[in-house]
Protein backbone atom coordinates (compact mmCIF):
# COMPACT_ATOMS: atom_id res chain seq x y z
CA MET A 1 107.07 64.31 112.55
CA VAL A 2 108.27 67.48 111.25
CA TYR A 3 108.13 66.79 107.82
CA ASP A 4 104.86 64.87 107.74
CA TYR A 5 102.99 68.17 109.55
CA ILE A 6 104.93 70.32 106.52
CA LEU A 7 103.43 68.00 103.64
CA GLU A 8 100.38 68.08 105.31
CA ASN A 9 99.72 71.42 105.33
CA TYR A 10 102.17 73.35 102.87
CA GLU A 11 102.13 73.20 99.01
CA ASN A 12 105.17 73.30 96.83
CA GLY A 13 106.29 76.98 96.63
CA ASP A 14 105.14 77.99 99.96
CA PRO A 15 107.50 80.09 102.63
CA ILE A 16 107.46 77.35 105.53
CA PHE A 17 108.01 80.09 108.92
CA LEU A 18 110.21 78.15 111.42
CA SER A 19 108.17 80.45 113.77
CA GLU A 20 104.46 79.06 112.83
CA LEU A 21 105.52 75.34 113.15
CA PRO A 22 103.93 73.51 116.20
CA GLY A 23 106.35 72.42 119.01
CA THR A 24 107.54 73.80 122.17
CA SER A 25 111.08 73.53 121.36
CA ARG A 26 112.26 75.93 118.93
CA ASP A 27 115.91 74.25 118.85
CA TYR A 28 114.52 71.39 118.48
CA LEU A 29 112.62 72.90 115.28
CA ARG A 30 116.06 73.83 114.19
CA GLN A 31 117.75 70.94 114.02
CA GLU A 32 114.98 69.14 112.53
CA MET A 33 114.87 71.59 110.03
CA LYS A 34 118.80 71.50 109.57
CA LYS A 35 118.63 68.05 109.11
CA LEU A 36 115.59 68.54 106.53
CA VAL A 37 117.76 70.90 104.68
CA ASP A 38 121.11 68.66 104.25
CA GLU A 39 118.45 65.45 103.17
CA GLY A 40 117.30 67.35 100.40
CA ARG A 41 113.89 67.51 101.40
CA LEU A 42 113.69 71.08 102.31
CA GLU A 43 115.53 74.18 100.54
CA ARG A 44 116.52 77.31 103.18
CA LEU A 45 115.78 80.90 101.62
CA TYR A 46 117.50 82.27 104.69
CA ASN A 47 117.53 81.61 108.47
CA GLY A 48 113.74 80.99 109.82
CA VAL A 49 112.42 80.75 106.18
CA TYR A 50 111.76 77.24 104.33
CA PHE A 51 109.81 75.61 101.27
CA LEU A 52 110.06 72.30 100.13
CA ALA A 53 112.40 70.79 97.27
CA TYR A 54 110.67 69.83 94.11
CA MET A 55 111.15 69.88 90.58
CA THR A 56 109.36 71.86 88.01
CA LYS A 57 107.70 69.99 84.88
CA LEU A 58 110.34 71.58 82.85
CA GLY A 59 112.88 69.27 85.19
CA THR A 60 113.91 72.72 87.19
CA LYS A 61 114.44 73.06 90.38
CA GLY A 62 111.59 74.56 92.09
CA ARG A 63 111.63 77.89 93.68
CA ILE A 64 110.03 79.73 96.99
CA SER A 65 106.71 82.00 95.16
CA VAL A 66 107.53 85.67 96.01
CA GLU A 67 104.15 86.52 95.98
CA LYS A 68 103.06 83.96 98.98
CA TYR A 69 106.35 84.87 101.11
CA ILE A 70 105.05 88.80 100.21
CA GLU A 71 101.29 87.72 101.11
CA LYS A 72 102.66 85.62 104.40
CA LYS A 73 105.44 88.16 106.13
CA TYR A 74 103.87 91.59 105.03
CA LEU A 75 100.03 91.57 104.33
CA THR A 76 98.12 89.45 105.96
CA VAL A 77 99.82 87.58 109.51
CA GLY A 78 97.60 85.84 111.74
CA GLY A 79 94.70 86.15 109.58
CA ARG A 80 95.18 90.18 110.55
CA THR A 81 95.53 92.35 107.04
CA VAL A 82 98.79 94.46 107.54
CA GLY A 83 99.53 95.46 104.57
CA TYR A 84 98.61 96.12 100.67
CA ILE A 85 100.99 96.63 97.51
CA THR A 86 102.07 99.88 96.55
CA GLY A 87 103.90 102.36 94.00
CA SER A 88 103.94 100.90 90.22
CA GLN A 89 102.90 97.13 91.09
CA LEU A 90 99.62 98.75 92.30
CA ALA A 91 99.31 101.26 88.99
CA ASN A 92 100.66 98.01 86.90
CA GLN A 93 97.89 95.76 88.82
CA TYR A 94 94.98 98.01 87.88
CA GLY A 95 95.69 98.70 84.74
CA PHE A 96 97.21 102.48 84.61
CA THR A 97 100.36 101.25 83.53
CA SER A 98 101.77 98.39 81.05
CA GLN A 99 104.66 98.93 82.13
CA LYS A 100 106.04 95.78 84.09
CA PRO A 101 107.27 96.69 87.61
CA SER A 102 110.85 96.50 88.22
CA CYS A 103 110.34 95.32 92.01
CA TYR A 104 107.83 94.66 94.57
CA GLU A 105 106.84 97.68 96.39
CA ILE A 106 104.45 96.38 99.69
CA CYS A 107 103.44 98.87 102.58
CA SER A 108 103.03 97.20 105.98
CA ASN A 109 103.00 97.45 109.73
CA GLU A 110 105.74 94.64 109.47
CA ALA A 111 108.21 97.31 108.54
CA THR A 112 110.80 97.93 110.81
CA THR A 113 112.37 101.17 109.50
CA LYS A 114 110.65 103.94 106.71
CA GLN A 115 111.99 101.90 103.98
CA ARG A 116 113.93 98.89 103.94
CA LYS A 117 115.01 96.65 100.39
CA GLN A 118 115.33 92.84 100.74
CA GLU A 119 116.32 90.24 98.06
CA ILE A 120 114.58 87.44 97.36
CA ASP A 121 115.53 84.25 94.99
CA GLY A 122 116.63 87.55 92.88
CA ASN A 123 113.57 89.70 93.49
CA THR A 124 114.00 92.85 95.23
CA ILE A 125 111.10 93.89 97.63
CA VAL A 126 110.93 97.35 99.09
CA VAL A 127 109.09 97.53 102.07
CA TYR A 128 107.48 101.05 103.47
CA LYS A 129 106.34 102.18 106.51
CA PRO A 130 102.81 103.25 106.46
CA VAL A 131 101.62 106.49 107.61
CA ALA A 132 99.11 105.09 110.20
CA ASP A 133 99.04 101.15 111.40
CA VAL A 134 97.12 99.10 108.25
CA THR A 135 94.39 97.51 109.49
CA GLU A 136 91.11 95.35 107.57
CA ASN A 137 89.08 98.30 107.67
CA ASN A 138 91.77 101.24 106.37
CA CYS A 139 93.62 99.45 104.12
CA SER A 140 91.98 100.09 100.98
CA ALA A 141 91.57 103.69 101.62
CA LEU A 142 95.19 103.66 102.63
CA GLN A 143 95.99 102.08 99.33
CA PHE A 144 94.05 104.53 97.06
CA LEU A 145 95.76 107.22 98.80
CA ASP A 146 99.32 105.93 97.80
CA LEU A 147 97.90 105.74 94.19
CA MET A 148 96.70 109.17 94.32
CA SER A 149 100.12 109.90 95.24
CA VAL A 150 101.94 108.65 92.63
CA ILE A 151 99.31 107.76 89.70
CA ASP A 152 100.36 111.20 87.95
CA ARG A 153 104.38 109.38 87.75
CA TYR A 154 103.37 105.85 87.09
CA SER A 155 99.62 106.30 85.11
CA ASP A 156 100.27 105.92 80.61
CA ILE A 157 96.52 107.42 80.62
CA SER A 158 94.61 110.33 81.40
CA GLY A 159 91.85 112.54 81.13
CA GLU A 160 88.03 110.43 80.87
CA GLU A 161 90.05 107.32 80.50
CA GLN A 162 92.00 107.38 83.23
CA THR A 163 88.76 108.98 85.57
CA THR A 164 86.68 105.46 84.16
CA ARG A 165 89.58 103.18 85.15
CA LEU A 166 89.82 105.11 88.02
CA ARG A 167 85.98 104.84 89.30
CA LYS A 168 86.47 100.62 88.31
CA TYR A 169 89.52 100.82 91.20
CA VAL A 170 87.10 102.43 93.49
CA GLU A 171 84.17 99.71 92.96
CA ALA A 172 86.55 96.36 92.82
CA VAL A 173 87.67 97.68 96.12
CA ARG A 174 84.52 98.69 97.47
CA LEU A 175 86.19 101.86 98.72
CA SER A 176 84.90 104.24 101.59
CA PHE A 177 85.48 107.78 100.74
CA ARG A 178 84.65 108.43 104.49
CA THR A 179 87.93 106.28 105.33
CA VAL A 180 89.68 108.51 102.43
CA LYS A 181 88.93 111.99 104.05
CA GLU A 182 89.74 110.87 107.17
CA TYR A 183 93.35 109.83 106.17
CA LEU A 184 93.94 112.11 103.33
CA PRO A 185 95.30 115.39 105.81
CA LEU A 186 98.52 112.57 106.22
CA TYR A 187 99.39 112.85 102.45
CA PRO A 188 101.11 115.65 100.68
CA ASP A 189 98.48 118.15 98.71
CA ARG A 190 99.36 116.80 95.49
CA VAL A 191 96.75 113.72 95.97
CA TYR A 192 94.40 116.33 96.44
CA ARG A 193 94.69 117.61 92.67
CA ASN A 194 95.37 114.10 91.08
CA ILE A 195 91.94 113.54 93.12
CA TYR A 196 90.20 116.48 91.27
CA ASP A 197 92.37 115.68 87.92
CA GLY A 198 90.98 111.83 88.55
CA GLY A 199 87.54 113.04 88.49
CA LEU A 200 86.60 112.06 91.72
CA MET A 201 86.69 115.00 93.84
CA GLY A 202 82.72 114.70 94.09
CA GLU A 203 83.22 111.30 95.75
CA LEU A 204 84.86 113.22 99.03
CA VAL A 205 82.45 116.23 99.12
């Protein structure tokens, strides 16, 4: 039974994509999922995406995990790396700004247009098309170059403090500057300047 499979393989808040459920008949699966939604066992986020109906410890209706949805839809698909976090969220994640991001910003091969906004459960997700196809090998380099293209806009810190933070970031993601050099020409000139100001030009030489 579909519901038994879901209970065995998904936790509360996990996004359940119709496309990943076992079964040869999509029509049968759709009917089963509709039935489970009607029975109150599943919640439908939108066509083809569901999550288990549950109550929180506070007694409120459980919601889908937006982070898990983003991970599964845009960052890792079928075990392959296809995207990464970018923009103000990336700057916040690595301590360059304390400002809370107003939306989730993602670069992903799954993007169908240059830029697309999506509203998920009251959260805005902005998905960008990357400058090159994202793979496990180049993901860190492209993410670093994205950061260096906006760091002057988002960073609360500068000078030595920023350089120290950048070096920690580079170490944390095990950045390959050889790969960075390969993709650097695809980015605007200000990236060179920001890398220089960030004290990392020596790594590129």
